[in-house]
Protein backbone atom coordinates (compact mmCIF):
# COMPACT_ATOMS: atom_id res chain seq x y z
CA MET A 1 17.02 -5.49 -10.03
CA ARG A 2 14.71 -7.17 -7.52
CA ASP A 3 12.64 -3.98 -7.25
CA VAL A 4 12.39 -3.87 -11.05
CA ARG A 5 11.15 -7.48 -11.14
CA THR A 6 8.58 -6.67 -8.46
CA ALA A 7 7.37 -3.58 -10.32
CA GLU A 8 7.12 -5.49 -13.59
CA ALA A 9 5.13 -8.29 -11.94
CA PHE A 10 2.60 -5.88 -10.47
CA ALA A 11 2.41 -3.76 -13.65
CA SER A 12 1.53 -6.78 -15.79
CA SER A 13 -1.58 -7.26 -13.69
CA TRP A 14 -2.45 -3.60 -13.07
CA ASN A 15 -2.55 -2.92 -16.80
CA HIS A 16 -5.36 -5.46 -17.18
CA VAL A 17 -7.62 -4.21 -14.37
CA GLY A 18 -9.33 -0.97 -13.47
CA SER A 19 -9.49 0.65 -10.07
CA VAL A 20 -9.57 -1.91 -7.26
CA TYR A 21 -9.89 0.14 -4.08
CA THR A 22 -13.15 1.67 -2.88
CA ARG A 23 -13.49 5.07 -1.25
CA ALA A 24 -14.15 3.41 2.10
CA GLN A 25 -10.89 1.44 1.80
CA PHE A 26 -9.02 4.61 0.83
CA ASP A 27 -10.38 6.47 3.87
CA GLU A 28 -9.45 3.61 6.19
CA TRP A 29 -5.92 3.33 4.84
CA MET A 30 -5.41 7.09 5.18
CA GLU A 31 -6.89 7.49 8.67
CA PRO A 32 -5.91 9.46 10.80
CA LEU A 33 -5.48 11.76 7.79
CA THR A 34 -8.66 13.56 6.76
CA ALA A 35 -9.85 15.45 3.68
CA ARG A 36 -8.38 18.64 5.19
CA ASP A 37 -4.88 17.19 4.89
CA PHE A 38 -5.36 16.96 1.10
CA GLU A 39 -7.42 20.07 0.32
CA GLY A 40 -5.32 22.81 -1.27
CA ARG A 41 -2.10 20.85 -0.63
CA ASP A 42 0.71 19.53 -2.78
CA VAL A 43 0.37 15.75 -2.44
CA LEU A 44 2.70 12.93 -3.53
CA GLU A 45 2.13 9.17 -3.69
CA LEU A 46 5.25 7.00 -3.76
CA GLY A 47 4.49 3.83 -5.72
CA PHE A 48 1.06 4.53 -7.23
CA GLY A 49 0.44 1.21 -9.00
CA ASN A 50 -2.37 1.90 -11.46
CA GLY A 51 -3.50 5.07 -9.69
CA SER A 52 -6.36 3.55 -7.68
CA LEU A 53 -5.54 5.63 -4.60
CA LEU A 54 -4.67 8.73 -6.61
CA ALA A 55 -8.16 8.57 -8.11
CA HIS A 56 -9.67 9.01 -4.63
CA ALA A 57 -7.07 11.53 -3.45
CA GLY A 58 -7.84 13.65 -6.49
CA THR A 59 -11.44 14.14 -5.36
CA LEU A 60 -10.22 15.88 -2.16
CA ALA A 61 -9.21 19.06 -4.05
CA PRO A 62 -5.40 18.94 -3.76
CA ARG A 63 -3.55 21.83 -5.36
CA LYS A 64 -1.14 19.37 -6.98
CA LEU A 65 -1.29 15.57 -7.08
CA ALA A 66 1.94 13.83 -8.06
CA GLY A 67 3.07 10.22 -8.14
CA VAL A 68 6.01 8.04 -9.06
CA GLU A 69 5.88 4.38 -10.06
CA LEU A 70 8.63 2.03 -11.24
CA GLY A 71 6.32 -0.22 -13.25
CA ASP A 72 5.06 0.62 -16.74
CA THR A 73 1.53 1.71 -15.75
CA LEU A 74 1.47 5.36 -16.84
CA ALA A 75 -1.02 4.87 -19.69
CA GLN A 76 -3.45 2.91 -17.51
CA THR A 77 -3.12 5.44 -14.69
CA ARG A 78 -3.70 8.47 -16.92
CA GLN A 79 -6.85 6.80 -18.20
CA LEU A 80 -8.05 6.16 -14.65
CA LEU A 81 -7.37 9.78 -13.62
CA ALA A 82 -8.94 11.39 -16.70
CA HIS A 83 -11.80 12.74 -14.56
CA LEU A 84 -9.48 15.00 -12.54
CA PRO A 85 -8.98 18.69 -13.45
CA ALA A 86 -6.36 19.42 -16.08
CA GLY A 87 -2.96 20.47 -14.73
CA VAL A 88 -3.42 18.95 -11.27
CA VAL A 89 -1.85 15.52 -11.87
CA GLN A 90 1.87 14.98 -12.42
CA LEU A 91 2.92 11.37 -13.00
CA HIS A 92 6.49 10.10 -13.17
CA ARG A 93 8.04 6.74 -13.94
CA GLY A 94 11.06 5.89 -11.84
CA ASP A 95 12.53 4.32 -8.72
CA LEU A 96 10.97 5.94 -5.66
CA THR A 97 14.10 5.30 -3.57
CA SER A 98 16.22 7.55 -5.82
CA ALA A 99 13.59 9.92 -7.23
CA ASP A 100 13.92 13.66 -6.60
CA LEU A 101 10.53 15.25 -7.22
CA GLY A 102 10.80 18.19 -4.85
CA GLN A 103 9.01 18.56 -1.53
CA PHE A 104 5.30 18.22 -0.77
CA ASP A 105 2.85 19.12 1.98
CA LEU A 106 1.70 15.50 2.22
CA VAL A 107 3.52 12.33 1.15
CA TYR A 108 1.98 8.88 1.44
CA CYS A 109 3.21 5.38 0.60
CA ILE A 110 0.69 2.55 0.85
CA GLY A 111 1.65 -1.12 0.52
CA VAL A 112 5.02 -0.49 -1.13
CA LEU A 113 7.85 -0.30 1.41
CA HIS A 114 7.49 -3.97 2.37
CA HIS A 115 8.21 -5.01 -1.24
CA LEU A 116 11.44 -3.05 -1.61
CA GLY A 117 14.90 -4.53 -1.49
CA GLU A 118 15.77 -1.80 1.04
CA PRO A 119 12.61 -0.65 2.86
CA ARG A 120 14.58 1.88 4.94
CA ARG A 121 15.67 3.66 1.75
CA GLY A 122 12.03 3.85 0.76
CA PHE A 123 11.12 5.49 4.05
CA ASP A 124 14.04 7.88 3.62
CA SER A 125 12.46 8.93 0.32
CA VAL A 126 9.17 9.55 2.12
CA LEU A 127 10.92 11.96 4.48
CA ARG A 128 13.07 13.50 1.77
CA HIS A 129 9.98 14.44 -0.24
CA THR A 130 8.08 15.83 2.77
CA ARG A 131 8.64 19.55 3.21
CA PRO A 132 9.45 20.91 6.70
CA GLY A 133 6.20 21.03 8.65
CA GLY A 134 4.51 18.67 6.17
CA ARG A 135 2.89 15.31 6.88
CA PHE A 136 3.75 11.77 5.83
CA HIS A 137 1.79 8.52 6.12
CA CYS A 138 2.67 4.88 5.34
CA TRP A 139 1.13 1.42 5.50
CA VAL A 140 3.12 -1.85 5.59
CA TYR A 141 2.70 -5.53 6.42
CA ALA A 142 3.44 -6.33 10.06
CA HIS A 143 5.61 -9.13 11.39
CA GLU A 144 3.29 -9.29 14.38
CA GLY A 145 0.03 -11.09 13.59
CA ASN A 146 1.20 -12.59 10.28
CA ALA A 147 2.66 -15.92 11.41
CA VAL A 148 0.29 -17.92 9.17
CA ILE A 149 1.23 -15.86 6.12
CA ARG A 150 4.95 -15.97 6.87
CA LEU A 151 5.00 -19.72 7.49
CA LEU A 152 2.54 -20.96 4.84
CA VAL A 153 2.05 -18.36 2.12
CA ASP A 154 5.57 -16.92 1.90
CA PRO A 155 7.28 -20.20 0.87
CA LEU A 156 4.66 -20.61 -1.87
CA ARG A 157 5.16 -17.00 -2.98
CA ARG A 158 8.88 -17.58 -3.50
CA LEU A 159 8.00 -20.34 -5.96
CA VAL A 160 5.02 -18.97 -7.87
CA SER A 161 6.35 -15.41 -8.20
CA ARG A 162 8.58 -16.84 -10.92
CA LEU A 163 5.58 -17.88 -13.02
CA PRO A 164 3.84 -15.68 -15.61
CA TRP A 165 1.51 -13.27 -13.78
CA TRP A 166 -1.65 -14.67 -15.36
CA LEU A 167 -0.75 -18.21 -14.28
CA THR A 168 -0.16 -17.05 -10.71
CA LYS A 169 -3.40 -15.08 -10.69
CA TYR A 170 -5.77 -17.64 -12.17
CA ALA A 171 -4.15 -21.06 -11.63
CA VAL A 172 -2.77 -20.47 -8.13
CA ALA A 173 -4.36 -17.48 -6.37
CA LEU A 174 -7.89 -18.19 -7.57
CA PRO A 175 -8.26 -21.79 -6.30
CA LEU A 176 -6.39 -20.99 -3.07
CA VAL A 177 -8.50 -17.97 -2.12
CA THR A 178 -11.88 -19.55 -2.86
CA PRO A 179 -12.08 -21.62 0.36
CA TYR A 180 -10.77 -18.67 2.39
CA PHE A 181 -13.55 -16.52 0.93
CA ALA A 182 -16.15 -19.08 2.07
CA TYR A 183 -14.50 -19.34 5.50
CA ALA A 184 -14.43 -15.54 5.95
CA LYS A 185 -18.10 -15.17 5.02
CA LEU A 186 -18.99 -17.89 7.53
CA ILE A 187 -16.78 -16.82 10.43
CA ARG A 188 -17.96 -13.20 10.33
CA HIS A 189 -21.21 -14.38 11.92
CA VAL A 190 -19.30 -15.42 15.06
CA PRO A 191 -16.92 -12.48 15.60
CA ARG A 192 -16.02 -13.45 19.15
CA LEU A 193 -14.68 -16.79 17.91
CA ALA A 194 -13.06 -15.21 14.87
CA ARG A 195 -10.96 -12.86 17.01
CA GLN A 196 -9.42 -15.84 18.81
CA LEU A 197 -8.25 -17.43 15.55
CA PRO A 198 -5.13 -16.60 13.47
CA LEU A 199 -5.74 -13.55 11.25
CA GLY A 200 -9.06 -13.11 13.05
CA GLU A 201 -9.27 -9.31 12.97
CA TYR A 202 -8.12 -9.25 9.36
CA THR A 203 -10.63 -11.93 8.36
CA LEU A 204 -13.48 -9.97 9.93
CA TRP A 205 -12.35 -6.90 8.01
CA ILE A 206 -12.01 -8.51 4.59
CA ALA A 207 -15.22 -10.54 5.03
CA ARG A 208 -17.12 -7.37 4.13
CA GLU A 209 -15.64 -7.38 0.63
CA ARG A 210 -16.60 -9.11 -2.58
CA PHE A 211 -14.77 -12.08 -4.05
CA ARG A 212 -12.97 -9.90 -6.59
CA PHE A 213 -11.13 -8.11 -3.79
CA PHE A 214 -10.21 -11.40 -2.09
CA HIS A 215 -8.74 -12.59 -5.38
CA HIS A 216 -6.82 -9.34 -5.82
CA VAL A 217 -5.31 -9.59 -2.33
CA ALA A 218 -4.30 -13.24 -2.83
CA PHE A 219 -2.60 -12.41 -6.12
CA ASP A 220 -0.95 -9.38 -4.53
CA GLN A 221 0.59 -11.69 -1.93
CA LEU A 222 1.88 -14.23 -4.46
CA VAL A 223 3.09 -12.21 -7.43
CA THR A 224 5.96 -10.29 -5.85
CA PRO A 225 9.54 -11.63 -5.74
CA ARG A 226 10.05 -9.93 -2.36
CA THR A 227 7.94 -9.28 0.72
CA VAL A 228 9.16 -8.43 4.21
CA TYR A 229 7.11 -8.17 7.39
CA LEU A 230 8.13 -5.23 9.54
CA ARG A 231 8.23 -5.26 13.32
CA ARG A 232 6.88 -2.37 15.35
CA SER A 233 10.35 -1.86 16.85
CA GLU A 234 11.83 -1.32 13.37
CA ILE A 235 9.17 1.24 12.47
CA GLU A 236 9.69 3.05 15.76
CA GLU A 237 13.40 3.21 14.98
CA TRP A 238 12.65 4.80 11.60
CA LEU A 239 10.44 7.37 13.30
CA ARG A 240 13.29 8.42 15.59
CA ASP A 241 14.92 10.03 12.55
CA PRO A 242 15.91 13.60 13.54
CA ARG A 243 13.85 14.96 10.64
CA VAL A 244 10.65 13.67 12.28
CA ASP A 245 8.79 15.73 14.88
CA PRO A 246 8.53 13.23 17.78
CA SER A 247 5.34 14.86 19.12
CA SER A 248 3.55 14.08 15.83
CA VAL A 249 4.34 10.37 15.55
CA TYR A 250 1.70 7.61 15.48
CA VAL A 251 1.89 3.84 14.94
CA ILE A 252 -1.41 1.98 14.50
CA HIS A 253 -1.79 -1.82 14.39
CA ARG A 254 -4.37 -2.19 11.62
CA ASN A 255 -6.54 -5.34 11.54
CA GLY A 256 -4.01 -7.13 13.73
CA ASN A 257 -1.55 -7.74 10.88
CA SER A 258 -0.30 -4.45 9.42
CA TRP A 259 1.04 -1.06 10.51
CA LYS A 260 -0.11 2.43 9.68
CA PHE A 261 2.38 5.03 10.78
CA GLY A 262 3.34 8.59 10.14
CA GLY A 263 3.78 12.06 11.53
CA LYS A 264 5.21 15.42 10.54
CA ARG A 265 8.60 16.57 9.43
CA VAL A 266 10.28 19.01 11.79
CA ALA A 267 9.48 22.59 10.78
CA GLU A 268 12.47 24.79 10.04
């Protein structure tokens, strides 16, 4: 039920906005994957939101582009993906932890596992949907580097996530993120100092973006009933799953406060 509440909270917002993520953000999230990993492949996104990432993935000429999402965002997503060739996109509504959509050459899951009641079950779904020899790629919030968020923002999130989404977005997230936006734009001019401060690397990264993206990120932090921050040791334990080719594994500390990780499934 907690996953349903989370999906409903995000869907209420996603259905009132268009695509949020730029191509540059998509490329950065997906790195070390390249366009070659998508071209001519069967690709699956677990937890596609409103299809913002699918919209970019679809321009890389996949043979098939599928996605599953628990929230009620199918209509908005189909509208966003209308530019893609007919017959390429296959969208499903359902719980990614129990879905059975077949196996794919590439499976990715961006910003979802850390909101699940059982993140390990979500990762199991990533592996289950990756065909032998195929690739998988995930991005999650890190425990390391997020002390400020865990100590200050998380207690507030537990309160305001119970409010109507629009109240959280405009009456809470908006006034809170405005001073951070000004701070980020200022501190980017002294990067050496910024890197010594909490969330320094992340602040330098997001300082390149417009206010609309700052607002989106702040709301994203506050709207969900559940967020966990995963330690590197936990991710490394997941990657020791016997289905994973140990020679293919990577774990990347992104912006000092999140993890990108992935690899290949053992070929049969």
